[in-house]
């Protein structure tokens, strides 16, 4: 079975006008819960038995809430799936310049050198961008640099030939 990366649903941490912007323990918004439910249905169509499928999540609340709202019950947290530890200004610069900090890329290489065994990883936009950059996937003009909320993408690690 392929390996998938899923971005969390929209949360208070994504609202620039919310005091919880960028914080690790920000809750999903109602729209984020709805996105996660829809994403869970997509995983079901991909053949996953959600209550029985273990998933990798970040330590951040929005990642874990997304997995739970998507119907997964077995969550294993990994710090290296957390969002990049950047200032809001650095995050905006990375998003718009498509340049990721060397330290963040090095952390992500460590993740990929010792990857979670789960077939689904619930993570964050810039962390996923680092994964895609290192693996040289989803780098063309048709693929947004930052995944949409609750978007699912297949990644080629842990598969034959990689």
N, C-alpha and C. Protein backbone atom coordinates (compact mmCIF):
# COMPACT_ATOMS: atom_id res chain seq x y z
N UNK A 1 0.85 -1.18 0.00
CA UNK A 1 0.00 0.00 0.00
C UNK A 1 0.90 1.24 0.00
N UNK A 2 0.55 2.26 -0.77
CA UNK A 2 1.37 3.48 -0.83
C UNK A 2 1.41 4.21 0.51
N UNK A 3 2.31 5.17 0.58
CA UNK A 3 2.46 6.03 1.75
C UNK A 3 1.84 7.39 1.42
N UNK A 4 1.11 7.96 2.37
CA UNK A 4 0.41 9.22 2.13
C UNK A 4 0.77 10.27 3.16
N UNK A 5 0.86 11.50 2.69
CA UNK A 5 0.99 12.67 3.57
C UNK A 5 -0.34 13.41 3.50
N UNK A 6 -0.85 13.82 4.66
CA UNK A 6 -2.08 14.59 4.74
C UNK A 6 -1.83 15.83 5.59
N UNK A 7 -2.27 16.96 5.10
CA UNK A 7 -2.15 18.19 5.89
C UNK A 7 -3.36 18.28 6.82
N UNK A 8 -3.16 18.87 7.96
CA UNK A 8 -4.24 19.07 8.94
C UNK A 8 -5.32 19.99 8.38
N UNK A 9 -6.46 20.01 9.05
CA UNK A 9 -7.55 20.91 8.69
C UNK A 9 -7.27 22.33 9.18
N UNK A 10 -8.02 23.28 8.67
CA UNK A 10 -7.82 24.68 9.04
C UNK A 10 -8.11 24.85 10.54
N UNK A 11 -7.26 25.63 11.19
CA UNK A 11 -7.35 25.79 12.64
C UNK A 11 -7.16 27.24 13.03
N UNK A 12 -7.31 27.49 14.29
CA UNK A 12 -7.07 28.84 14.82
C UNK A 12 -5.62 29.25 14.58
N UNK A 13 -4.71 28.30 14.50
CA UNK A 13 -3.30 28.61 14.27
C UNK A 13 -3.06 29.15 12.87
N UNK A 14 -4.02 29.00 11.97
CA UNK A 14 -3.87 29.47 10.59
C UNK A 14 -4.53 30.82 10.36
N UNK A 15 -5.19 31.37 11.36
CA UNK A 15 -5.89 32.64 11.24
C UNK A 15 -4.99 33.75 11.79
N UNK A 16 -4.47 34.57 10.90
CA UNK A 16 -3.56 35.65 11.30
C UNK A 16 -4.17 36.61 12.30
N UNK A 17 -5.48 36.67 12.39
CA UNK A 17 -6.16 37.58 13.31
C UNK A 17 -6.50 36.93 14.64
N UNK A 18 -6.17 35.66 14.80
CA UNK A 18 -6.50 34.93 16.02
C UNK A 18 -5.28 34.94 16.95
N UNK A 19 -5.49 35.14 18.26
CA UNK A 19 -4.36 35.10 19.19
C UNK A 19 -3.62 33.76 19.19
N UNK A 20 -4.27 32.70 18.71
CA UNK A 20 -3.64 31.38 18.68
C UNK A 20 -2.84 31.16 17.40
N UNK A 21 -2.70 32.18 16.54
CA UNK A 21 -1.98 32.03 15.28
C UNK A 21 -0.59 31.44 15.54
N UNK A 22 -0.30 30.33 14.86
CA UNK A 22 1.01 29.70 14.92
C UNK A 22 1.30 28.88 16.17
N UNK A 23 0.37 28.79 17.09
CA UNK A 23 0.65 28.06 18.33
C UNK A 23 0.41 26.56 18.15
N UNK A 24 1.14 25.74 18.90
CA UNK A 24 1.01 24.30 18.73
C UNK A 24 -0.31 23.71 19.21
N UNK A 25 -0.98 24.36 20.15
CA UNK A 25 -2.19 23.78 20.73
C UNK A 25 -3.48 24.44 20.26
N UNK A 26 -3.44 25.05 19.08
CA UNK A 26 -4.65 25.68 18.55
C UNK A 26 -5.62 24.61 18.05
N UNK A 27 -6.89 24.83 18.34
CA UNK A 27 -7.94 23.89 17.92
C UNK A 27 -8.29 24.07 16.45
N UNK A 28 -8.82 22.98 15.87
CA UNK A 28 -9.40 23.08 14.54
C UNK A 28 -10.63 23.98 14.60
N UNK A 29 -10.86 24.69 13.52
CA UNK A 29 -12.11 25.41 13.36
C UNK A 29 -13.18 24.42 12.89
N UNK A 30 -14.44 24.80 12.96
CA UNK A 30 -15.52 23.93 12.47
C UNK A 30 -15.25 23.52 11.02
N UNK A 31 -14.79 24.47 10.21
CA UNK A 31 -14.45 24.15 8.81
C UNK A 31 -13.35 23.10 8.73
N UNK A 32 -12.39 23.15 9.66
CA UNK A 32 -11.31 22.16 9.68
C UNK A 32 -11.81 20.77 10.04
N UNK A 33 -12.76 20.70 10.96
CA UNK A 33 -13.37 19.42 11.30
C UNK A 33 -14.11 18.86 10.09
N UNK A 34 -14.86 19.71 9.41
CA UNK A 34 -15.59 19.28 8.21
C UNK A 34 -14.62 18.79 7.14
N UNK A 35 -13.50 19.50 6.96
CA UNK A 35 -12.48 19.08 5.99
C UNK A 35 -11.93 17.70 6.36
N UNK A 36 -11.68 17.50 7.65
CA UNK A 36 -11.11 16.23 8.11
C UNK A 36 -12.08 15.07 7.88
N UNK A 37 -13.37 15.30 8.14
CA UNK A 37 -14.37 14.25 7.91
C UNK A 37 -14.36 13.85 6.43
N UNK A 38 -14.33 14.83 5.55
CA UNK A 38 -14.29 14.57 4.11
C UNK A 38 -13.01 13.83 3.72
N UNK A 39 -11.88 14.24 4.30
CA UNK A 39 -10.62 13.56 4.03
C UNK A 39 -10.68 12.10 4.49
N UNK A 40 -11.30 11.86 5.62
CA UNK A 40 -11.43 10.49 6.12
C UNK A 40 -12.18 9.61 5.14
N UNK A 41 -13.21 10.17 4.52
CA UNK A 41 -13.96 9.41 3.51
C UNK A 41 -13.07 9.08 2.32
N UNK A 42 -12.19 9.99 1.95
CA UNK A 42 -11.25 9.72 0.85
C UNK A 42 -10.31 8.57 1.22
N UNK A 43 -9.83 8.56 2.47
CA UNK A 43 -8.97 7.46 2.89
C UNK A 43 -9.72 6.13 2.88
N UNK A 44 -10.99 6.17 3.24
CA UNK A 44 -11.80 4.96 3.19
C UNK A 44 -11.88 4.44 1.75
N UNK A 45 -12.07 5.36 0.79
CA UNK A 45 -12.12 4.97 -0.63
C UNK A 45 -10.77 4.45 -1.13
N UNK A 46 -9.69 4.85 -0.44
CA UNK A 46 -8.36 4.34 -0.80
C UNK A 46 -8.09 2.96 -0.18
N UNK A 47 -9.04 2.47 0.61
CA UNK A 47 -8.91 1.12 1.16
C UNK A 47 -8.46 1.04 2.60
N UNK A 48 -8.45 2.15 3.31
CA UNK A 48 -8.02 2.14 4.70
C UNK A 48 -9.20 1.88 5.63
N UNK A 49 -9.01 0.96 6.58
CA UNK A 49 -9.97 0.73 7.66
C UNK A 49 -9.58 1.72 8.75
N UNK A 50 -10.18 2.88 8.73
CA UNK A 50 -9.73 3.99 9.57
C UNK A 50 -9.61 3.65 11.06
N UNK A 51 -10.61 3.02 11.69
CA UNK A 51 -10.45 2.75 13.12
C UNK A 51 -9.29 1.80 13.44
N UNK A 52 -8.90 0.98 12.48
CA UNK A 52 -7.84 -0.02 12.70
C UNK A 52 -6.49 0.39 12.12
N UNK A 53 -6.43 1.50 11.41
CA UNK A 53 -5.20 1.92 10.76
C UNK A 53 -4.42 2.88 11.65
N UNK A 54 -3.21 2.51 12.06
CA UNK A 54 -2.40 3.47 12.82
C UNK A 54 -1.89 4.57 11.89
N UNK A 55 -1.87 5.81 12.40
CA UNK A 55 -1.39 6.94 11.62
C UNK A 55 -0.34 7.71 12.42
N UNK A 56 0.62 8.26 11.70
CA UNK A 56 1.62 9.14 12.30
C UNK A 56 1.05 10.55 12.33
N UNK A 57 1.23 11.22 13.44
CA UNK A 57 0.75 12.60 13.60
C UNK A 57 1.88 13.43 14.21
N UNK A 58 1.73 14.74 14.11
CA UNK A 58 2.67 15.60 14.81
C UNK A 58 2.22 15.71 16.27
N UNK A 59 3.01 16.35 17.09
CA UNK A 59 2.63 16.60 18.47
C UNK A 59 1.65 17.77 18.58
N UNK A 60 1.41 18.45 17.48
CA UNK A 60 0.54 19.63 17.51
C UNK A 60 -0.93 19.21 17.48
N UNK A 61 -1.71 19.90 18.28
CA UNK A 61 -3.11 19.53 18.49
C UNK A 61 -3.90 19.44 17.19
N UNK A 62 -3.70 20.37 16.27
CA UNK A 62 -4.50 20.38 15.04
C UNK A 62 -4.25 19.16 14.17
N UNK A 63 -3.05 18.62 14.20
CA UNK A 63 -2.74 17.39 13.47
C UNK A 63 -3.49 16.21 14.08
N UNK A 64 -3.46 16.12 15.39
CA UNK A 64 -4.13 15.01 16.08
C UNK A 64 -5.65 15.13 15.96
N UNK A 65 -6.20 16.33 16.10
CA UNK A 65 -7.64 16.52 15.96
C UNK A 65 -8.10 16.17 14.54
N UNK A 66 -7.27 16.49 13.55
CA UNK A 66 -7.61 16.16 12.17
C UNK A 66 -7.71 14.65 11.99
N UNK A 67 -6.71 13.93 12.48
CA UNK A 67 -6.72 12.46 12.35
C UNK A 67 -7.94 11.86 13.04
N UNK A 68 -8.25 12.35 14.23
CA UNK A 68 -9.41 11.83 14.95
C UNK A 68 -10.71 12.14 14.22
N UNK A 69 -10.86 13.37 13.74
CA UNK A 69 -12.08 13.75 13.02
C UNK A 69 -12.21 12.98 11.70
N UNK A 70 -11.07 12.56 11.14
CA UNK A 70 -11.08 11.77 9.91
C UNK A 70 -11.45 10.31 10.17
N UNK A 71 -11.56 9.93 11.44
CA UNK A 71 -12.00 8.58 11.77
C UNK A 71 -10.90 7.63 12.19
N UNK A 72 -9.68 8.14 12.34
CA UNK A 72 -8.58 7.29 12.80
C UNK A 72 -8.56 7.28 14.32
N UNK A 73 -8.28 6.11 14.89
CA UNK A 73 -8.28 5.97 16.35
C UNK A 73 -6.90 5.70 16.93
N UNK A 74 -5.98 5.23 16.09
CA UNK A 74 -4.65 4.85 16.57
C UNK A 74 -3.65 5.89 16.06
N UNK A 75 -3.23 6.80 16.97
CA UNK A 75 -2.34 7.89 16.60
C UNK A 75 -0.98 7.71 17.26
N UNK A 76 0.09 7.89 16.48
CA UNK A 76 1.44 7.84 17.03
C UNK A 76 2.13 9.16 16.70
N UNK A 77 2.43 9.98 17.74
CA UNK A 77 3.04 11.28 17.48
C UNK A 77 4.55 11.21 17.23
N UNK A 78 5.00 12.08 16.33
CA UNK A 78 6.42 12.22 15.99
C UNK A 78 6.74 13.72 15.97
N UNK A 79 7.75 14.12 16.72
CA UNK A 79 8.14 15.54 16.75
C UNK A 79 8.57 16.05 15.39
N UNK A 80 9.22 15.22 14.60
CA UNK A 80 9.70 15.68 13.30
C UNK A 80 8.58 15.85 12.28
N UNK A 81 7.34 15.54 12.65
CA UNK A 81 6.20 15.86 11.79
C UNK A 81 5.58 17.22 12.17
N UNK A 82 6.08 17.82 13.28
CA UNK A 82 5.58 19.14 13.68
C UNK A 82 5.83 20.16 12.59
N UNK A 83 5.07 21.25 12.64
CA UNK A 83 5.31 22.36 11.72
C UNK A 83 6.70 22.93 12.00
N UNK A 84 7.28 23.56 11.00
CA UNK A 84 8.59 24.16 11.17
C UNK A 84 8.53 25.22 12.27
N UNK A 85 9.60 25.28 13.04
CA UNK A 85 9.67 26.25 14.14
C UNK A 85 10.24 27.56 13.58
N UNK A 86 9.39 28.31 12.90
CA UNK A 86 9.79 29.57 12.28
C UNK A 86 8.91 30.69 12.82
N UNK A 87 9.42 31.90 12.73
CA UNK A 87 8.58 33.05 13.07
C UNK A 87 7.52 33.20 11.99
N UNK A 88 6.42 33.90 12.28
CA UNK A 88 5.42 34.13 11.23
C UNK A 88 6.01 34.77 9.98
N UNK A 89 6.95 35.70 10.16
CA UNK A 89 7.58 36.35 9.00
C UNK A 89 8.40 35.34 8.19
N UNK A 90 9.12 34.44 8.89
CA UNK A 90 9.90 33.41 8.18
C UNK A 90 8.98 32.45 7.44
N UNK A 91 7.84 32.11 8.05
CA UNK A 91 6.89 31.22 7.37
C UNK A 91 6.35 31.85 6.10
N UNK A 92 6.01 33.13 6.17
CA UNK A 92 5.50 33.81 4.99
C UNK A 92 6.58 33.88 3.91
N UNK A 93 7.82 34.15 4.32
CA UNK A 93 8.92 34.22 3.35
C UNK A 93 9.11 32.86 2.68
N UNK A 94 9.05 31.78 3.45
CA UNK A 94 9.20 30.44 2.88
C UNK A 94 8.06 30.14 1.91
N UNK A 95 6.86 30.50 2.32
CA UNK A 95 5.68 30.23 1.48
C UNK A 95 5.78 30.94 0.14
N UNK A 96 6.21 32.19 0.15
CA UNK A 96 6.18 32.98 -1.08
C UNK A 96 7.48 32.91 -1.88
N UNK A 97 8.60 32.59 -1.24
CA UNK A 97 9.86 32.50 -1.98
C UNK A 97 10.21 31.06 -2.35
N UNK A 98 9.49 30.11 -1.75
CA UNK A 98 9.74 28.68 -1.95
C UNK A 98 11.14 28.28 -1.49
N UNK A 99 11.69 29.04 -0.57
CA UNK A 99 12.99 28.71 0.02
C UNK A 99 12.76 28.25 1.44
N UNK A 100 13.26 27.07 1.73
CA UNK A 100 13.08 26.49 3.05
C UNK A 100 14.39 26.56 3.81
N UNK A 101 14.35 26.89 5.09
CA UNK A 101 15.59 27.01 5.87
C UNK A 101 16.37 25.70 5.89
N UNK A 102 17.68 25.81 5.80
CA UNK A 102 18.56 24.64 5.78
C UNK A 102 18.32 23.75 7.00
N UNK A 103 18.18 24.34 8.18
CA UNK A 103 17.94 23.55 9.39
C UNK A 103 16.66 22.73 9.28
N UNK A 104 15.62 23.31 8.70
CA UNK A 104 14.36 22.59 8.53
C UNK A 104 14.52 21.44 7.54
N UNK A 105 15.27 21.67 6.48
CA UNK A 105 15.53 20.59 5.52
C UNK A 105 16.35 19.48 6.16
N UNK A 106 17.31 19.85 7.00
CA UNK A 106 18.12 18.84 7.69
C UNK A 106 17.28 18.02 8.66
N UNK A 107 16.38 18.67 9.39
CA UNK A 107 15.47 17.95 10.28
C UNK A 107 14.60 16.98 9.49
N UNK A 108 14.14 17.42 8.35
CA UNK A 108 13.28 16.58 7.52
C UNK A 108 14.06 15.42 6.93
N UNK A 109 15.32 15.63 6.59
CA UNK A 109 16.16 14.52 6.14
C UNK A 109 16.28 13.47 7.24
N UNK A 110 16.43 13.92 8.49
CA UNK A 110 16.48 12.98 9.62
C UNK A 110 15.18 12.18 9.70
N UNK A 111 14.05 12.84 9.49
CA UNK A 111 12.75 12.15 9.48
C UNK A 111 12.73 11.10 8.38
N UNK A 112 13.16 11.46 7.19
CA UNK A 112 13.11 10.54 6.05
C UNK A 112 14.13 9.41 6.17
N UNK A 113 15.23 9.65 6.89
CA UNK A 113 16.21 8.59 7.12
C UNK A 113 15.75 7.57 8.15
N UNK A 114 14.80 7.96 8.98
CA UNK A 114 14.22 7.07 9.98
C UNK A 114 12.71 7.34 10.02
N UNK A 115 12.01 6.97 8.93
CA UNK A 115 10.61 7.38 8.80
C UNK A 115 9.66 6.59 9.69
N UNK A 116 8.55 7.21 10.04
CA UNK A 116 7.49 6.46 10.72
C UNK A 116 7.06 5.28 9.85
N UNK A 117 6.66 4.20 10.48
CA UNK A 117 6.24 3.01 9.75
C UNK A 117 4.78 3.08 9.30
N UNK A 118 4.02 4.03 9.85
CA UNK A 118 2.62 4.19 9.48
C UNK A 118 2.53 4.61 8.01
N UNK A 119 1.46 4.20 7.36
CA UNK A 119 1.26 4.50 5.94
C UNK A 119 0.58 5.84 5.70
N UNK A 120 0.16 6.51 6.76
CA UNK A 120 -0.42 7.84 6.66
C UNK A 120 0.27 8.73 7.68
N UNK A 121 0.73 9.88 7.20
CA UNK A 121 1.37 10.87 8.06
C UNK A 121 0.53 12.15 8.04
N UNK A 122 -0.01 12.55 9.19
CA UNK A 122 -0.74 13.82 9.30
C UNK A 122 0.26 14.87 9.78
N UNK A 123 0.51 15.87 8.94
CA UNK A 123 1.53 16.85 9.25
C UNK A 123 1.06 18.25 8.86
N UNK A 124 2.01 19.12 8.56
CA UNK A 124 1.76 20.54 8.36
C UNK A 124 2.30 20.99 7.00
N UNK A 125 1.84 22.14 6.56
CA UNK A 125 2.15 22.60 5.21
C UNK A 125 3.62 22.75 4.91
N UNK A 126 4.36 23.45 5.77
CA UNK A 126 5.78 23.66 5.48
C UNK A 126 6.61 22.39 5.71
N UNK A 127 6.21 21.55 6.66
CA UNK A 127 6.92 20.28 6.85
C UNK A 127 6.74 19.41 5.61
N UNK A 128 5.52 19.36 5.09
CA UNK A 128 5.28 18.60 3.86
C UNK A 128 6.09 19.17 2.71
N UNK A 129 6.18 20.51 2.62
CA UNK A 129 6.97 21.12 1.56
C UNK A 129 8.43 20.69 1.64
N UNK A 130 8.96 20.57 2.85
CA UNK A 130 10.34 20.08 3.02
C UNK A 130 10.47 18.64 2.52
N UNK A 131 9.50 17.81 2.86
CA UNK A 131 9.52 16.42 2.40
C UNK A 131 9.52 16.37 0.89
N UNK A 132 8.64 17.14 0.27
CA UNK A 132 8.54 17.13 -1.19
C UNK A 132 9.81 17.67 -1.84
N UNK A 133 10.42 18.68 -1.23
CA UNK A 133 11.66 19.26 -1.76
C UNK A 133 12.78 18.22 -1.73
N UNK A 134 12.94 17.55 -0.60
CA UNK A 134 14.01 16.55 -0.47
C UNK A 134 13.80 15.39 -1.43
N UNK A 135 12.56 14.94 -1.57
CA UNK A 135 12.26 13.81 -2.46
C UNK A 135 12.12 14.24 -3.92
N UNK A 136 12.17 15.55 -4.17
CA UNK A 136 12.04 16.12 -5.52
C UNK A 136 10.74 15.67 -6.18
N UNK A 137 9.66 15.79 -5.42
CA UNK A 137 8.33 15.48 -5.95
C UNK A 137 7.43 16.70 -5.72
N UNK A 138 6.37 16.79 -6.48
CA UNK A 138 5.41 17.89 -6.37
C UNK A 138 6.13 19.24 -6.44
N UNK A 139 7.07 19.36 -7.38
CA UNK A 139 7.85 20.58 -7.50
C UNK A 139 7.57 21.35 -8.78
N UNK A 140 6.58 20.93 -9.56
CA UNK A 140 6.34 21.66 -10.80
C UNK A 140 5.26 22.72 -10.60
N UNK A 141 5.07 23.52 -11.61
CA UNK A 141 4.16 24.67 -11.51
C UNK A 141 2.71 24.28 -11.24
N UNK A 142 2.33 23.04 -11.56
CA UNK A 142 0.95 22.61 -11.34
C UNK A 142 0.67 22.23 -9.88
N UNK A 143 1.72 22.05 -9.10
CA UNK A 143 1.56 21.64 -7.70
C UNK A 143 1.83 22.83 -6.78
N UNK A 144 0.87 23.22 -5.96
CA UNK A 144 1.13 24.32 -5.03
C UNK A 144 2.26 23.96 -4.07
N UNK A 145 3.05 24.95 -3.71
CA UNK A 145 4.16 24.76 -2.77
C UNK A 145 3.66 24.26 -1.42
N UNK A 146 2.55 24.83 -0.96
CA UNK A 146 1.94 24.44 0.31
C UNK A 146 0.66 23.68 -0.01
N UNK A 147 0.52 22.49 0.57
CA UNK A 147 -0.69 21.70 0.38
C UNK A 147 -1.91 22.46 0.91
N UNK A 148 -3.06 22.19 0.34
CA UNK A 148 -4.32 22.71 0.87
C UNK A 148 -4.65 21.98 2.17
N UNK A 149 -5.52 22.58 2.96
CA UNK A 149 -5.94 21.93 4.20
C UNK A 149 -6.62 20.60 3.87
N UNK A 150 -6.21 19.56 4.58
CA UNK A 150 -6.73 18.20 4.43
C UNK A 150 -6.50 17.61 3.04
N UNK A 151 -5.55 18.15 2.33
CA UNK A 151 -5.14 17.54 1.06
C UNK A 151 -4.33 16.29 1.35
N UNK A 152 -4.44 15.32 0.48
CA UNK A 152 -3.71 14.06 0.59
C UNK A 152 -2.78 13.93 -0.62
N UNK A 153 -1.53 13.60 -0.37
CA UNK A 153 -0.60 13.34 -1.47
C UNK A 153 0.15 12.04 -1.20
N UNK A 154 0.36 11.29 -2.25
CA UNK A 154 1.14 10.05 -2.16
C UNK A 154 2.62 10.39 -2.23
N UNK A 155 3.42 9.72 -1.40
CA UNK A 155 4.86 9.92 -1.46
C UNK A 155 5.56 8.58 -1.68
N UNK A 156 6.70 8.62 -2.37
CA UNK A 156 7.34 7.37 -2.83
C UNK A 156 8.36 6.75 -1.88
N UNK A 157 8.42 7.11 -0.60
CA UNK A 157 9.39 6.43 0.24
C UNK A 157 8.81 5.13 0.76
N UNK A 158 9.68 4.19 1.02
CA UNK A 158 9.24 2.91 1.55
C UNK A 158 8.60 2.01 0.51
N UNK A 159 8.65 2.42 -0.76
CA UNK A 159 8.10 1.61 -1.82
C UNK A 159 9.26 1.02 -2.61
N UNK A 160 9.00 -0.01 -3.37
CA UNK A 160 10.07 -0.67 -4.10
C UNK A 160 10.79 0.33 -4.99
N UNK A 161 12.11 0.21 -5.01
CA UNK A 161 12.92 1.08 -5.84
C UNK A 161 13.32 2.37 -5.15
N UNK A 162 12.89 2.59 -3.91
CA UNK A 162 13.25 3.85 -3.22
C UNK A 162 13.99 3.55 -1.95
